[in-house]
Protein backbone atom coordinates (compact mmCIF):
# COMPACT_ATOMS: atom_id res chain seq x y z
CA MET A 1 0.00 0.00 0.00
CA PRO A 2 1.45 3.47 -0.92
CA ALA A 3 2.77 5.63 1.90
CA ASP A 4 0.49 8.25 3.46
CA LYS A 5 -2.57 6.48 2.14
CA LEU A 6 -3.97 4.69 5.18
CA THR A 7 -7.65 5.40 5.81
CA ASP A 8 -10.12 3.96 8.29
CA ARG A 9 -11.88 2.14 5.44
CA ALA A 10 -8.61 0.66 4.14
CA ILE A 11 -7.62 -0.49 7.62
CA ARG A 12 -10.95 -2.25 8.15
CA ALA A 13 -10.39 -4.12 4.87
CA LEU A 14 -6.98 -5.50 5.93
CA LYS A 15 -6.96 -9.28 6.36
CA SER A 16 -4.56 -11.44 8.35
CA ALA A 17 -1.91 -13.54 6.62
CA PRO A 18 0.29 -16.47 7.67
CA LYS A 19 3.10 -14.01 8.43
CA PRO A 20 3.00 -10.48 9.85
CA TYR A 21 3.04 -7.67 7.26
CA LYS A 22 3.29 -3.87 7.41
CA CYS A 23 1.11 -1.13 5.96
CA PHE A 24 2.86 2.25 6.08
CA ASP A 25 1.11 5.55 6.72
CA GLY A 26 4.23 7.66 6.12
CA ARG A 27 7.18 9.14 8.02
CA GLY A 28 7.88 5.86 9.79
CA LEU A 29 4.34 5.23 11.07
CA TYR A 30 2.92 1.87 10.07
CA LEU A 31 0.32 -0.70 11.00
CA GLU A 32 1.55 -4.26 11.51
CA VAL A 33 -1.07 -6.90 10.82
CA MET A 34 -0.50 -10.07 12.82
CA PRO A 35 -1.50 -13.65 11.85
CA ASN A 36 -4.14 -13.67 14.62
CA GLY A 37 -5.81 -10.58 13.10
CA SER A 38 -4.44 -8.00 15.55
CA LYS A 39 -3.40 -4.67 14.03
CA LEU A 40 -0.61 -2.92 15.93
CA TRP A 41 0.65 0.62 15.47
CA ARG A 42 4.43 1.08 15.27
CA LEU A 43 6.74 4.03 14.67
CA GLN A 44 10.08 3.33 13.04
CA TYR A 45 12.80 5.92 13.59
CA ARG A 46 16.53 6.38 14.01
CA ALA A 47 18.11 7.65 17.25
CA VAL A 48 21.59 8.08 18.69
CA ARG A 49 22.55 5.22 21.02
CA SER A 50 23.84 6.65 24.30
CA ARG A 51 26.56 4.05 24.96
CA ASP A 52 28.47 4.50 21.69
CA GLY A 53 26.91 7.51 19.91
CA LYS A 54 25.85 5.47 16.86
CA ARG A 55 22.53 6.07 15.08
CA VAL A 56 20.40 2.93 15.23
CA GLN A 57 16.93 2.04 14.09
CA GLN A 58 14.25 1.83 16.80
CA VAL A 59 10.65 0.71 16.72
CA LEU A 60 8.22 2.32 19.16
CA ALA A 61 4.96 0.50 19.91
CA LEU A 62 2.01 2.91 19.91
CA GLY A 63 -0.82 0.49 20.73
CA ARG A 64 -3.44 -1.76 19.20
CA HIS A 65 -5.63 -0.29 16.48
CA GLY A 66 -9.30 0.11 17.35
CA SER A 67 -11.91 2.47 18.73
CA LEU A 68 -12.22 1.16 22.28
CA ALA A 69 -10.90 3.11 25.27
CA ASP A 70 -7.63 1.17 25.45
CA GLU A 71 -7.12 1.10 21.66
CA VAL A 72 -5.61 3.61 19.23
CA THR A 73 -7.44 5.08 16.25
CA LEU A 74 -5.71 6.19 13.04
CA GLU A 75 -6.00 9.84 14.10
CA ARG A 76 -4.58 9.15 17.56
CA ALA A 77 -1.72 7.08 16.12
CA ARG A 78 -0.73 10.04 13.96
CA GLU A 79 -0.83 12.31 17.02
CA LEU A 80 1.38 9.94 19.03
CA ALA A 81 3.82 9.69 16.12
CA ALA A 82 3.96 13.50 15.85
CA GLU A 83 4.71 13.77 19.58
CA ALA A 84 7.50 11.21 19.27
CA ARG A 85 9.00 13.09 16.30
CA ALA A 86 8.86 16.32 18.31
CA ARG A 87 10.88 14.67 21.09
CA LEU A 88 13.36 13.36 18.55
CA LYS A 89 13.76 16.84 17.08
CA VAL A 90 14.97 18.24 20.40
CA GLY A 91 17.33 15.35 21.13
CA HIS A 92 15.10 12.93 23.07
CA ASP A 93 14.75 9.25 22.28
CA PRO A 94 11.02 8.40 22.64
CA MET A 95 11.90 4.86 23.64
CA SER A 96 14.17 6.07 26.47
CA ASP A 97 11.56 8.59 27.56
CA ARG A 98 8.99 5.83 27.77
CA ARG A 99 11.25 3.72 29.95
CA ARG A 100 11.78 6.70 32.26
CA SER A 101 8.07 7.33 32.61
CA ARG A 102 6.88 3.71 32.73
CA GLY A 103 4.77 3.12 35.80
CA GLY A 104 4.43 6.82 36.52
CA GLN A 105 1.94 8.20 33.97
CA ALA A 106 -0.02 9.94 36.73
CA ASN A 107 3.17 11.83 37.52
CA SER A 108 3.89 12.80 33.92
CA LEU A 109 4.55 16.41 33.11
CA ARG A 110 1.53 16.38 30.80
CA ALA A 111 -0.80 15.25 33.59
CA LEU A 112 0.65 17.85 35.94
CA ALA A 113 0.33 20.63 33.33
CA GLU A 114 -3.28 19.72 32.57
CA GLU A 115 -4.15 19.68 36.26
CA TRP A 116 -2.45 23.06 36.71
CA ALA A 117 -4.32 24.54 33.75
CA GLU A 118 -7.68 23.31 34.99
CA LYS A 119 -7.18 25.10 38.31
CA GLN A 120 -6.38 28.52 36.82
CA PRO A 121 -9.13 31.20 37.00
CA TRP A 122 -8.44 32.33 33.44
CA GLU A 123 -10.72 34.39 31.28
CA PRO A 124 -11.43 32.77 27.88
CA ARG A 125 -8.88 34.91 26.03
CA THR A 126 -6.15 34.15 28.56
CA ALA A 127 -7.02 30.45 28.52
CA ARG A 128 -6.60 30.31 24.74
CA ARG A 129 -3.22 32.02 24.95
CA GLU A 130 -1.97 29.72 27.72
CA ARG A 131 -3.16 26.63 25.84
CA GLN A 132 -1.24 27.82 22.78
CA ILE A 133 1.91 28.09 24.88
CA LEU A 134 1.33 24.59 26.29
CA ALA A 135 1.21 23.26 22.72
CA HIS A 136 4.77 24.49 22.13
CA TRP A 137 6.36 22.18 24.72
CA LEU A 138 4.00 19.41 25.84
CA PRO A 139 4.56 17.25 22.71
CA ALA A 140 8.29 17.11 23.46
CA LEU A 141 8.23 17.02 27.28
CA GLY A 142 4.76 15.87 28.32
CA GLY A 143 5.65 12.18 28.54
CA LEU A 144 8.51 12.72 31.01
CA PRO A 145 8.00 12.27 34.76
CA ALA A 146 7.63 15.65 36.45
CA SER A 147 9.64 14.36 39.40
CA SER A 148 12.79 13.65 37.37
CA LEU A 149 12.70 16.49 34.84
CA LEU A 150 16.12 18.05 34.26
CA PRO A 151 17.22 21.43 32.85
CA ALA A 152 18.88 19.44 30.07
CA ASP A 153 15.43 18.18 29.04
CA ILE A 154 14.02 21.70 28.72
CA ARG A 155 17.04 23.44 27.17
CA PRO A 156 16.77 22.04 23.58
CA VAL A 157 13.03 22.82 23.46
CA LEU A 158 13.64 26.46 24.34
CA LEU A 159 16.59 26.83 21.98
CA GLU A 160 14.65 25.32 19.07
CA ILE A 161 11.77 27.78 19.58
CA GLU A 162 14.21 30.69 19.84
CA ALA A 163 16.10 29.58 16.73
CA SER A 164 12.83 29.66 14.76
CA GLY A 165 12.63 33.40 15.37
CA ARG A 166 10.11 33.26 18.23
CA GLY A 167 12.25 34.51 21.08
CA ASP A 168 9.32 35.97 22.98
CA THR A 169 7.48 32.63 22.77
CA ALA A 170 10.56 30.83 24.11
CA HIS A 171 10.58 33.13 27.15
CA ARG A 172 6.87 32.50 27.69
CA VAL A 173 7.38 28.73 27.46
CA ARG A 174 10.16 28.79 30.06
CA ALA A 175 8.02 30.90 32.38
CA GLN A 176 5.02 28.60 31.95
CA ILE A 177 7.04 25.44 32.59
CA GLY A 178 8.27 27.12 35.76
CA ARG A 179 4.72 27.85 36.91
CA VAL A 180 3.70 24.23 36.26
CA LEU A 181 6.70 22.90 38.19
CA ARG A 182 6.09 25.25 41.13
CA TYR A 183 2.55 23.92 41.24
CA GLY A 184 4.07 20.43 41.26
CA VAL A 185 6.20 21.40 44.26
CA VAL A 186 3.04 22.45 46.12
CA ARG A 187 1.43 19.12 45.16
CA GLY A 188 4.48 17.20 46.35
CA LEU A 189 5.20 15.87 42.86
CA CYS A 190 8.40 17.86 42.24
CA GLU A 191 11.29 18.89 44.41
CA ARG A 192 11.86 22.26 42.76
CA ASP A 193 11.42 24.41 39.65
CA VAL A 194 14.32 23.26 37.45
CA ALA A 195 13.27 25.71 34.70
CA ALA A 196 14.64 28.46 36.93
CA ASP A 197 18.15 27.10 36.22
CA LEU A 198 17.72 28.21 32.60
CA ARG A 199 17.33 31.90 33.33
CA GLY A 200 19.78 33.73 31.10
CA LEU A 201 19.78 30.95 28.47
CA LEU A 202 17.65 32.94 26.03
CA ALA A 203 18.56 36.26 24.50
CA PRO A 204 16.61 39.19 25.99
CA VAL A 205 13.55 40.26 24.02
CA HIS A 206 13.04 43.98 23.78
CA ALA A 207 9.39 44.97 24.00
CA GLU A 208 8.05 46.55 20.83
CA GLN A 209 6.83 50.07 21.45
CA TYR A 210 3.35 51.04 20.30
CA ALA A 211 3.28 53.51 17.44
CA THR A 212 2.26 56.96 18.63
CA LEU A 213 2.56 60.68 17.94
CA THR A 214 4.49 62.98 20.26
CA LYS A 215 5.01 66.27 18.41
CA PRO A 216 2.48 68.96 19.38
CA GLU A 217 1.58 69.80 15.78
CA GLU A 218 1.01 66.09 15.00
CA ILE A 219 -1.20 65.66 18.05
CA GLY A 220 -3.23 68.74 17.13
CA GLU A 221 -3.73 67.43 13.60
CA LEU A 222 -4.83 64.01 14.94
CA MET A 223 -7.35 65.53 17.36
CA ARG A 224 -8.88 67.63 14.57
CA ALA A 225 -9.15 64.50 12.42
CA ILE A 226 -10.91 62.63 15.24
CA ASP A 227 -13.31 65.54 15.72
CA GLY A 228 -14.26 65.17 12.07
CA TYR A 229 -14.91 61.43 12.27
CA SER A 230 -18.39 60.39 11.13
CA GLY A 231 -19.62 56.87 11.54
CA ASP A 232 -20.99 54.52 14.16
CA PRO A 233 -21.63 56.45 17.42
CA SER A 234 -19.89 53.80 19.55
CA THR A 235 -16.73 54.09 17.47
CA GLU A 236 -16.93 57.88 17.26
CA TYR A 237 -17.21 58.41 21.02
CA ALA A 238 -14.64 55.74 21.87
CA LEU A 239 -12.16 57.53 19.58
CA LYS A 240 -12.90 60.85 21.24
CA ILE A 241 -12.76 59.58 24.83
CA LEU A 242 -9.75 57.23 24.56
CA PRO A 243 -7.15 60.05 24.30
CA LEU A 244 -8.58 61.67 27.45
CA VAL A 245 -8.56 58.79 29.96
CA PHE A 246 -5.09 57.11 29.71
CA THR A 247 -6.58 53.60 29.87
CA ARG A 248 -5.84 50.65 27.63
CA PRO A 249 -8.31 50.27 24.73
CA GLY A 250 -9.80 47.05 26.13
CA GLU A 251 -10.47 48.67 29.51
CA LEU A 252 -12.45 51.44 27.82
CA ARG A 253 -14.23 49.32 25.19
CA ASN A 254 -15.67 47.02 27.85
CA ALA A 255 -16.77 49.85 30.17
CA ARG A 256 -20.31 49.84 31.57
CA TRP A 257 -22.37 52.78 32.78
CA GLY A 258 -22.50 51.56 36.36
CA GLU A 259 -18.75 52.24 36.69
CA PHE A 260 -19.15 56.01 36.19
CA ASP A 261 -20.02 58.79 38.61
CA LEU A 262 -20.43 61.79 36.32
CA GLY A 263 -21.68 64.04 39.09
CA GLY A 264 -18.69 63.65 41.38
CA SER A 265 -20.98 62.97 44.31
CA VAL A 266 -18.22 61.61 46.58
CA ASP A 267 -17.34 64.37 49.02
CA ALA A 268 -13.70 65.39 49.48
CA GLY A 269 -13.87 64.64 53.18
CA ALA A 270 -15.59 61.29 52.80
CA SER A 271 -14.05 57.88 52.49
CA GLY A 272 -14.01 56.32 49.03
CA SER A 273 -15.45 52.91 48.24
CA GLN A 274 -13.61 49.87 49.64
CA GLY A 275 -11.52 52.16 51.83
CA LEU A 276 -10.01 53.99 48.85
CA ALA A 277 -9.06 57.64 48.93
CA PRO A 278 -11.86 60.18 48.30
CA THR A 279 -12.31 62.19 45.14
CA THR A 280 -13.57 65.70 44.51
CA GLY A 281 -15.06 65.21 41.06
CA PRO A 282 -16.43 62.85 38.42
CA LEU A 283 -14.80 59.45 38.48
CA TRP A 284 -14.59 56.19 36.55
CA ARG A 285 -13.90 53.11 38.64
CA VAL A 286 -12.44 50.42 36.37
CA PRO A 287 -13.02 46.94 37.92
CA GLY A 288 -9.79 45.21 38.92
CA GLU A 289 -10.58 42.08 36.91
CA ARG A 290 -10.50 44.11 33.69
CA MET A 291 -7.06 45.59 34.30
CA LYS A 292 -4.01 44.16 32.52
CA MET A 293 -2.05 43.82 35.78
CA ARG A 294 -4.97 42.25 37.61
CA ARG A 295 -4.40 39.95 40.52
CA LYS A 296 -6.54 38.54 43.26
CA ASN A 297 -8.09 41.33 45.34
CA SER A 298 -6.25 43.94 43.25
CA GLY A 299 -9.13 46.41 43.56
CA GLU A 300 -10.36 48.94 41.05
CA HIS A 301 -8.38 51.52 39.11
CA LEU A 302 -9.58 55.12 39.52
CA VAL A 303 -9.77 57.48 36.55
CA PRO A 304 -10.65 61.12 37.34
CA LEU A 305 -12.77 62.57 34.54
CA SER A 306 -12.11 65.97 32.99
CA ARG A 307 -14.92 68.37 32.08
CA GLN A 308 -14.45 67.46 28.41
CA THR A 309 -14.76 63.76 29.16
CA VAL A 310 -17.93 64.28 31.22
CA MET A 311 -19.47 66.24 28.35
CA LEU A 312 -18.73 63.46 25.88
CA LEU A 313 -20.07 60.80 28.25
CA THR A 314 -23.24 62.81 28.86
CA ASN A 315 -23.86 63.06 25.12
CA LEU A 316 -23.07 59.36 24.66
CA ARG A 317 -25.48 58.33 27.41
CA ALA A 318 -28.30 59.98 25.49
CA ILE A 319 -27.46 57.65 22.59
CA THR A 320 -26.59 54.30 24.18
CA GLY A 321 -28.68 54.66 27.36
CA GLY A 322 -27.84 54.81 31.03
CA ASP A 323 -28.52 51.22 32.11
CA PRO A 324 -25.86 50.52 34.81
CA ASN A 325 -25.21 47.11 33.24
CA GLY A 326 -25.23 48.49 29.72
CA LEU A 327 -22.12 48.90 27.58
CA LEU A 328 -20.89 52.36 26.70
CA PHE A 329 -19.77 51.20 23.26
CA PRO A 330 -22.02 48.34 22.07
CA GLY A 331 -20.87 46.62 18.90
CA LEU A 332 -22.78 44.88 16.14
CA VAL A 333 -22.99 41.62 18.12
CA ARG A 334 -25.59 41.86 20.87
CA GLY A 335 -24.01 42.09 24.32
CA LYS A 336 -20.50 42.64 22.91
CA PRO A 337 -18.55 45.91 22.68
CA ILE A 338 -16.76 47.23 19.63
CA SER A 339 -13.40 45.55 19.04
CA ASP A 340 -9.89 46.91 19.18
CA ALA A 341 -9.72 46.25 15.44
CA THR A 342 -12.70 48.57 14.97
CA LEU A 343 -10.80 51.44 16.60
CA GLY A 344 -7.71 50.67 14.54
CA GLN A 345 -9.72 50.67 11.32
CA ALA A 346 -11.36 53.96 12.29
CA LEU A 347 -7.93 55.56 12.77
CA LYS A 348 -6.83 54.12 9.44
CA ARG A 349 -9.86 55.74 7.75
CA LEU A 350 -8.67 59.05 9.14
CA GLY A 351 -5.25 58.51 7.58
CA TYR A 352 -3.52 57.13 10.66
CA GLY A 353 -2.36 53.60 9.95
CA PRO A 354 -0.59 51.33 12.47
CA ASP A 355 2.78 52.76 11.44
CA ARG A 356 1.71 56.18 12.82
CA ILE A 357 -0.50 55.43 15.81
CA VAL A 358 -2.49 52.52 17.23
CA PRO A 359 -5.29 52.72 19.84
CA HIS A 360 -2.84 51.78 22.59
CA GLY A 361 -0.53 54.59 21.48
CA PHE A 362 -2.68 57.31 23.10
CA ARG A 363 -1.20 56.26 26.45
CA ALA A 364 2.35 56.84 25.26
CA MET A 365 1.26 60.15 23.73
CA ALA A 366 -0.06 61.40 27.06
CA SER A 367 2.88 60.03 29.04
CA THR A 368 5.43 61.71 26.76
CA GLN A 369 3.72 65.09 26.88
CA LEU A 370 3.22 65.00 30.66
CA ASN A 371 6.82 64.01 31.32
CA GLU A 372 8.06 66.77 29.02
CA GLN A 373 5.93 69.27 30.98
CA GLY A 374 7.59 68.22 34.24
CA PHE A 375 4.77 66.33 35.96
CA PRO A 376 6.03 63.81 38.58
CA PRO A 377 6.85 60.53 36.77
CA ASP A 378 5.50 58.36 39.61
CA LEU A 379 2.19 60.24 39.42
CA ILE A 380 1.99 59.65 35.68
CA GLU A 381 2.77 55.95 36.15
CA LEU A 382 0.08 55.71 38.82
CA GLN A 383 -2.54 57.15 36.49
CA LEU A 384 -1.38 54.86 33.68
CA ALA A 385 -1.98 51.91 36.07
CA HIS A 386 1.65 50.81 35.91
CA ILE A 387 1.14 49.59 39.45
CA ASP A 388 3.92 48.57 41.80
CA SER A 389 3.47 44.86 42.54
CA SER A 390 4.93 45.18 46.04
CA VAL A 391 2.83 45.21 49.21
CA ARG A 392 3.33 48.96 49.38
CA GLY A 393 2.11 49.29 45.80
CA ILE A 394 -1.06 47.31 46.53
CA TYR A 395 -2.09 49.57 49.39
CA ASN A 396 -0.90 52.76 47.70
CA ARG A 397 -2.82 52.43 44.44
CA ALA A 398 -5.55 55.04 45.24
CA THR A 399 -3.40 57.82 46.70
CA ARG A 400 -2.79 61.33 45.28
CA LEU A 401 -6.23 61.60 43.70
CA PRO A 402 -6.40 65.41 43.90
CA GLU A 403 -3.14 65.63 41.92
CA ARG A 404 -4.36 63.07 39.44
CA CYS A 405 -7.55 65.12 38.94
CA GLU A 406 -5.35 68.10 38.07
CA ILE A 407 -3.31 66.03 35.61
CA MET A 408 -6.39 64.74 33.79
CA GLN A 409 -7.91 68.21 33.48
CA TRP A 410 -4.60 69.71 32.36
CA TRP A 411 -4.26 67.04 29.67
CA ALA A 412 -7.80 67.59 28.36
CA ASP A 413 -7.17 71.35 28.21
CA ARG A 414 -3.84 70.69 26.52
CA LEU A 415 -5.54 68.68 23.77
CA ASP A 416 -8.04 71.50 23.24
CA LEU A 417 -5.18 73.95 22.92
CA LEU A 418 -3.30 71.77 20.44
CA ARG A 419 -6.45 71.49 18.33
CA THR A 420 -6.43 75.21 17.70
CA THR A 421 -2.81 76.31 17.95
CA ALA A 422 -0.50 73.40 17.07
CA VAL A 423 -0.75 73.65 13.31
CA ALA A 424 2.17 72.32 11.33
CA PRO A 425 3.85 75.06 9.28
CA ARG A 426 3.11 74.95 5.59
CA ALA A 427 5.75 75.30 2.91
CA ASN A 428 5.78 78.55 0.96
CA THR A 429 4.13 78.32 -2.39
């Protein structure tokens, strides 16, 4: 039978013969049909023999073909073969790995990683990202016992990912393996996090900066363009409000009316909610679970609202309604807000593609201008929600609200000024 041509129908049609015979599926995977009618999956490969360094042919048994719980289907056989090839690619011999893990499948790194993942309180988007990272290393390492994992087992996996041009992914894989192993220490299945020994193995990855505008005349031109935007009200008002509030696009897009106090009803001498510092004006309380740097009991992030922002929100409420549970910026799908891509496309329509500015770039724009004007850097970082992860940072997150109110109003006034005065000089004609 030609290679790579096995199908379920063809397998069912295979008959036994007086002697065993092989039917290849390709890349070393084959089905061996025995005289008694049994059909056994095998993977033929070549590996380096540890005692003399010679490459020898090995045959790895993958199980009996069938659809019962303890049998292996065609699809599953191909998956097992792919996992074995992945281990071979990073220097592991699947046969040796199997001997190491025999009798300890419950203690395999795969089982530990799956248990760890199931216990994480991830949002759907985070869960998808973490599962994608798991897929980068579980095929090569998942069959090894968590208790006897060595740095030498992990090193080739990380280096292969880095060599493929995905340095950031390699760093994420090392960090995730470390989290899984630290969970294993808590469970009593590992002695320590051996991935920590590989710190410094990978080249540093420099974070890519978001495209933004920092020159006053460019900012003025952008704000005039946004003022002239005509389209869906949700997109229009999100574009107009985003430059004023310093938040990440996702934090604004998912905002609900119940988070806003447009009247500034909290008295300056009163205590804020949850023991936070008081405020003297309109305020947006962003729930902690929606913040990028969220953590258990992280609390909400406070955004003082300028007069300009309150005016925009008041006009928007007349359009999208004031239901406390309602979205400020509903999208086309019921119950869902507009997407980050929607904001990016709107900017592109105005002539501002991702090479000039992206929705996230409004934060860098504000930060640059405020730092140039001499505002305290720690105050700017506080309003940007670049929160100190220390104990002090946790309890200090709501301080200096009066100064932050001044910053937000100054920035809104600054944007108004740039709209009218920061006009780029024209060439003489």
